[in-house]
N, C-alpha and C. Protein backbone atom coordinates (compact mmCIF):
# COMPACT_ATOMS: atom_id res chain seq x y z
N MET A 1 -10.02 -19.00 14.04
CA MET A 1 -8.71 -18.51 13.72
C MET A 1 -8.52 -18.59 12.20
N GLN A 2 -8.01 -17.52 11.63
CA GLN A 2 -7.81 -17.49 10.19
C GLN A 2 -6.32 -17.49 9.86
N GLY A 3 -5.99 -17.99 8.68
CA GLY A 3 -4.62 -17.97 8.21
C GLY A 3 -3.67 -18.71 9.13
N THR A 4 -2.50 -18.12 9.34
CA THR A 4 -1.46 -18.76 10.14
C THR A 4 -1.29 -18.09 11.51
N ALA A 5 -2.25 -17.31 11.95
CA ALA A 5 -2.12 -16.52 13.17
C ALA A 5 -1.82 -17.37 14.40
N GLY A 6 -2.21 -18.62 14.45
CA GLY A 6 -1.95 -19.46 15.62
C GLY A 6 -0.77 -20.38 15.46
N CYS A 7 -0.01 -20.24 14.40
CA CYS A 7 1.09 -21.17 14.13
C CYS A 7 2.40 -20.71 14.76
N ILE A 8 3.14 -21.67 15.26
CA ILE A 8 4.51 -21.43 15.68
C ILE A 8 5.37 -22.36 14.86
N LEU A 9 6.30 -21.79 14.12
CA LEU A 9 7.18 -22.58 13.26
C LEU A 9 8.50 -22.82 13.97
N ALA A 10 9.10 -23.97 13.72
CA ALA A 10 10.41 -24.28 14.29
C ALA A 10 11.23 -25.07 13.28
N GLY A 11 12.53 -24.84 13.29
CA GLY A 11 13.42 -25.57 12.41
C GLY A 11 14.86 -25.34 12.77
N GLY A 12 15.70 -26.29 12.44
CA GLY A 12 17.13 -26.18 12.72
C GLY A 12 17.94 -26.29 11.46
N SER A 13 19.05 -25.59 11.43
CA SER A 13 19.98 -25.62 10.32
C SER A 13 19.27 -25.15 9.05
N ALA A 14 19.26 -25.96 7.99
CA ALA A 14 18.57 -25.57 6.76
C ALA A 14 17.09 -25.33 7.01
N GLY A 15 16.50 -26.11 7.93
CA GLY A 15 15.10 -25.90 8.28
C GLY A 15 14.87 -24.56 8.94
N GLY A 16 15.85 -24.08 9.70
CA GLY A 16 15.77 -22.76 10.30
C GLY A 16 15.80 -21.67 9.25
N THR A 17 16.64 -21.85 8.25
CA THR A 17 16.70 -20.90 7.14
C THR A 17 15.37 -20.89 6.39
N LEU A 18 14.84 -22.08 6.12
CA LEU A 18 13.57 -22.17 5.41
C LEU A 18 12.43 -21.54 6.19
N LEU A 19 12.40 -21.75 7.51
CA LEU A 19 11.30 -21.17 8.28
C LEU A 19 11.41 -19.65 8.33
N LEU A 20 12.62 -19.08 8.39
CA LEU A 20 12.75 -17.63 8.34
C LEU A 20 12.29 -17.08 6.99
N SER A 21 12.59 -17.80 5.93
CA SER A 21 12.11 -17.40 4.60
C SER A 21 10.59 -17.47 4.54
N ALA A 22 10.02 -18.53 5.12
CA ALA A 22 8.56 -18.66 5.16
C ALA A 22 7.94 -17.53 5.98
N GLU A 23 8.55 -17.20 7.12
CA GLU A 23 8.06 -16.09 7.94
C GLU A 23 8.06 -14.79 7.15
N LEU A 24 9.14 -14.55 6.40
CA LEU A 24 9.24 -13.34 5.60
C LEU A 24 8.13 -13.29 4.56
N MET A 25 7.91 -14.41 3.88
CA MET A 25 6.86 -14.45 2.85
C MET A 25 5.48 -14.27 3.47
N LEU A 26 5.23 -14.89 4.62
CA LEU A 26 3.94 -14.73 5.29
C LEU A 26 3.73 -13.29 5.72
N LYS A 27 4.77 -12.66 6.24
CA LYS A 27 4.67 -11.26 6.67
C LYS A 27 4.36 -10.37 5.48
N GLN A 28 5.04 -10.59 4.36
CA GLN A 28 4.80 -9.78 3.17
C GLN A 28 3.39 -9.98 2.63
N ALA A 29 2.83 -11.17 2.87
CA ALA A 29 1.46 -11.46 2.43
C ALA A 29 0.42 -10.97 3.45
N GLY A 30 0.90 -10.39 4.57
CA GLY A 30 -0.01 -9.89 5.59
C GLY A 30 -0.59 -10.97 6.48
N ASP A 31 0.08 -12.12 6.56
CA ASP A 31 -0.42 -13.24 7.35
C ASP A 31 0.71 -13.87 8.16
N PRO A 32 1.32 -13.10 9.06
CA PRO A 32 2.45 -13.65 9.82
C PRO A 32 2.01 -14.71 10.82
N SER A 33 2.89 -15.64 11.11
CA SER A 33 2.59 -16.66 12.11
C SER A 33 2.72 -16.05 13.50
N MET A 34 2.40 -16.82 14.51
CA MET A 34 2.48 -16.34 15.88
C MET A 34 3.92 -16.24 16.36
N GLY A 35 4.78 -17.11 15.87
CA GLY A 35 6.17 -17.08 16.30
C GLY A 35 7.02 -18.09 15.57
N ALA A 36 8.32 -18.01 15.82
CA ALA A 36 9.25 -18.91 15.15
C ALA A 36 10.43 -19.21 16.06
N VAL A 37 10.94 -20.42 15.95
CA VAL A 37 12.15 -20.83 16.65
C VAL A 37 13.13 -21.33 15.59
N ALA A 38 14.16 -20.54 15.33
CA ALA A 38 15.17 -20.91 14.33
C ALA A 38 16.46 -21.25 15.06
N ILE A 39 16.93 -22.47 14.88
CA ILE A 39 18.14 -22.93 15.54
C ILE A 39 19.25 -23.06 14.49
N SER A 40 20.27 -22.26 14.62
CA SER A 40 21.43 -22.26 13.72
C SER A 40 21.06 -22.11 12.24
N PRO A 41 20.24 -21.13 11.90
CA PRO A 41 19.95 -20.94 10.47
C PRO A 41 21.11 -20.25 9.76
N GLN A 42 21.25 -20.51 8.48
CA GLN A 42 22.22 -19.78 7.67
C GLN A 42 21.44 -18.62 7.06
N THR A 43 21.70 -17.39 7.52
CA THR A 43 20.88 -16.26 7.12
C THR A 43 21.51 -15.37 6.06
N ASP A 44 22.78 -15.49 5.82
CA ASP A 44 23.44 -14.68 4.78
C ASP A 44 24.01 -15.62 3.73
N LEU A 45 23.21 -15.89 2.74
CA LEU A 45 23.65 -16.84 1.70
C LEU A 45 24.63 -16.22 0.72
N THR A 46 24.95 -14.93 0.88
CA THR A 46 25.97 -14.31 0.04
C THR A 46 27.38 -14.65 0.56
N LEU A 47 27.46 -15.12 1.79
CA LEU A 47 28.73 -15.43 2.45
C LEU A 47 29.67 -14.22 2.43
N SER A 48 29.09 -13.03 2.59
CA SER A 48 29.89 -11.80 2.53
C SER A 48 30.26 -11.25 3.90
N SER A 49 29.86 -11.90 4.96
CA SER A 49 30.19 -11.42 6.29
C SER A 49 31.69 -11.56 6.54
N PRO A 50 32.36 -10.49 6.97
CA PRO A 50 33.80 -10.57 7.24
C PRO A 50 34.14 -11.60 8.32
N SER A 51 33.20 -11.91 9.20
CA SER A 51 33.49 -12.85 10.28
C SER A 51 33.71 -14.27 9.77
N ILE A 52 33.20 -14.59 8.58
CA ILE A 52 33.40 -15.94 8.03
C ILE A 52 34.90 -16.21 7.87
N ASP A 53 35.62 -15.25 7.33
CA ASP A 53 37.07 -15.43 7.13
C ASP A 53 37.86 -15.08 8.39
N ALA A 54 37.40 -14.07 9.13
CA ALA A 54 38.11 -13.65 10.33
C ALA A 54 38.12 -14.76 11.39
N ASN A 55 37.07 -15.57 11.42
CA ASN A 55 36.97 -16.63 12.42
C ASN A 55 37.32 -18.01 11.87
N ASP A 56 37.96 -18.04 10.71
CA ASP A 56 38.33 -19.31 10.11
C ASP A 56 39.20 -20.11 11.08
N GLY A 57 38.83 -21.35 11.28
CA GLY A 57 39.55 -22.21 12.19
C GLY A 57 39.02 -22.15 13.62
N GLN A 58 38.15 -21.18 13.90
CA GLN A 58 37.56 -21.05 15.23
C GLN A 58 36.09 -21.43 15.23
N ASP A 59 35.40 -21.12 14.12
CA ASP A 59 33.99 -21.47 14.02
C ASP A 59 33.82 -22.96 13.75
N PHE A 60 32.70 -23.48 14.20
CA PHE A 60 32.38 -24.89 13.99
C PHE A 60 32.22 -25.20 12.50
N VAL A 61 31.67 -24.24 11.76
CA VAL A 61 31.42 -24.41 10.32
C VAL A 61 32.26 -23.39 9.56
N ASP A 62 33.07 -23.85 8.61
CA ASP A 62 33.92 -22.94 7.85
C ASP A 62 33.27 -22.54 6.52
N ARG A 63 33.94 -21.66 5.77
CA ARG A 63 33.41 -21.14 4.51
C ARG A 63 33.07 -22.27 3.53
N ALA A 64 33.93 -23.27 3.42
CA ALA A 64 33.69 -24.38 2.48
C ALA A 64 32.40 -25.12 2.84
N ALA A 65 32.17 -25.35 4.13
CA ALA A 65 30.95 -26.04 4.56
C ALA A 65 29.72 -25.17 4.29
N LEU A 66 29.80 -23.87 4.58
CA LEU A 66 28.69 -22.96 4.32
C LEU A 66 28.35 -22.94 2.83
N ASP A 67 29.38 -22.88 1.99
CA ASP A 67 29.16 -22.87 0.54
C ASP A 67 28.55 -24.19 0.07
N HIS A 68 29.03 -25.30 0.63
CA HIS A 68 28.51 -26.62 0.28
C HIS A 68 27.02 -26.73 0.60
N VAL A 69 26.62 -26.17 1.73
CA VAL A 69 25.23 -26.24 2.16
C VAL A 69 24.35 -25.30 1.34
N ARG A 70 24.84 -24.09 1.04
CA ARG A 70 24.00 -23.11 0.37
C ARG A 70 23.76 -23.41 -1.10
N THR A 71 24.72 -24.06 -1.75
CA THR A 71 24.60 -24.28 -3.19
C THR A 71 23.34 -25.03 -3.58
N PRO A 72 23.03 -26.19 -2.99
CA PRO A 72 21.78 -26.85 -3.37
C PRO A 72 20.54 -26.11 -2.88
N ASP A 73 20.65 -25.39 -1.78
CA ASP A 73 19.51 -24.63 -1.29
C ASP A 73 19.13 -23.52 -2.25
N LEU A 74 20.11 -22.89 -2.84
CA LEU A 74 19.84 -21.77 -3.74
C LEU A 74 19.36 -22.20 -5.11
N ALA A 75 19.84 -23.33 -5.59
CA ALA A 75 19.58 -23.74 -6.97
C ALA A 75 20.03 -22.59 -7.86
N TRP A 76 19.10 -21.91 -8.53
CA TRP A 76 19.48 -20.79 -9.40
C TRP A 76 19.01 -19.45 -8.84
N ALA A 77 18.58 -19.41 -7.61
CA ALA A 77 18.10 -18.17 -7.00
C ALA A 77 19.28 -17.27 -6.62
N GLN A 78 19.02 -16.00 -6.55
CA GLN A 78 20.04 -15.03 -6.16
C GLN A 78 20.28 -15.09 -4.65
N PRO A 79 21.53 -15.20 -4.19
CA PRO A 79 21.81 -15.35 -2.76
C PRO A 79 21.53 -14.10 -1.94
N ASP A 80 21.43 -12.94 -2.60
CA ASP A 80 21.22 -11.69 -1.85
C ASP A 80 19.77 -11.21 -1.87
N ARG A 81 18.87 -12.08 -2.28
CA ARG A 81 17.46 -11.70 -2.37
C ARG A 81 16.62 -12.54 -1.43
N ALA A 82 15.60 -11.91 -0.88
CA ALA A 82 14.60 -12.64 -0.10
C ALA A 82 13.66 -13.31 -1.07
N PRO A 83 13.07 -14.41 -0.73
CA PRO A 83 13.10 -15.04 0.57
C PRO A 83 14.22 -16.08 0.74
N GLN A 84 14.98 -16.40 -0.30
CA GLN A 84 15.98 -17.46 -0.15
C GLN A 84 17.07 -17.07 0.85
N SER A 85 17.43 -15.81 0.94
CA SER A 85 18.34 -15.33 1.96
C SER A 85 17.51 -14.45 2.88
N PRO A 86 17.01 -15.01 3.97
CA PRO A 86 16.01 -14.31 4.77
C PRO A 86 16.48 -13.01 5.42
N LEU A 87 17.77 -12.84 5.58
CA LEU A 87 18.30 -11.58 6.11
C LEU A 87 19.35 -11.06 5.14
N PRO A 88 18.91 -10.60 3.96
CA PRO A 88 19.90 -10.17 2.96
C PRO A 88 20.71 -8.98 3.46
N ARG A 89 21.95 -8.97 3.06
CA ARG A 89 22.87 -7.90 3.45
C ARG A 89 22.41 -6.60 2.79
N ARG A 90 22.41 -5.57 3.55
CA ARG A 90 22.01 -4.25 3.05
C ARG A 90 23.26 -3.44 2.73
N ALA A 91 23.19 -2.68 1.66
CA ALA A 91 24.32 -1.83 1.27
C ALA A 91 24.40 -0.60 2.15
């Protein structure tokens, strides 16, 4: 077996976001893993989804918590670019 062809990645929360970013990078390099299990990943680090504000008070995690979590994850990276935002919003 060569590369990551036999690997299954798993992660939750920030780890889920990281594994989706890793999957994206592996795919772009032509070496995707066999599969991935992402549990509650934060996939839109731009926080531009209308549901964030529309569901305020109903979601388990609010905008302030999402922003608190994404800030150290991003460091100085752009929130709308892969791989740090594994599912960047498309115009």
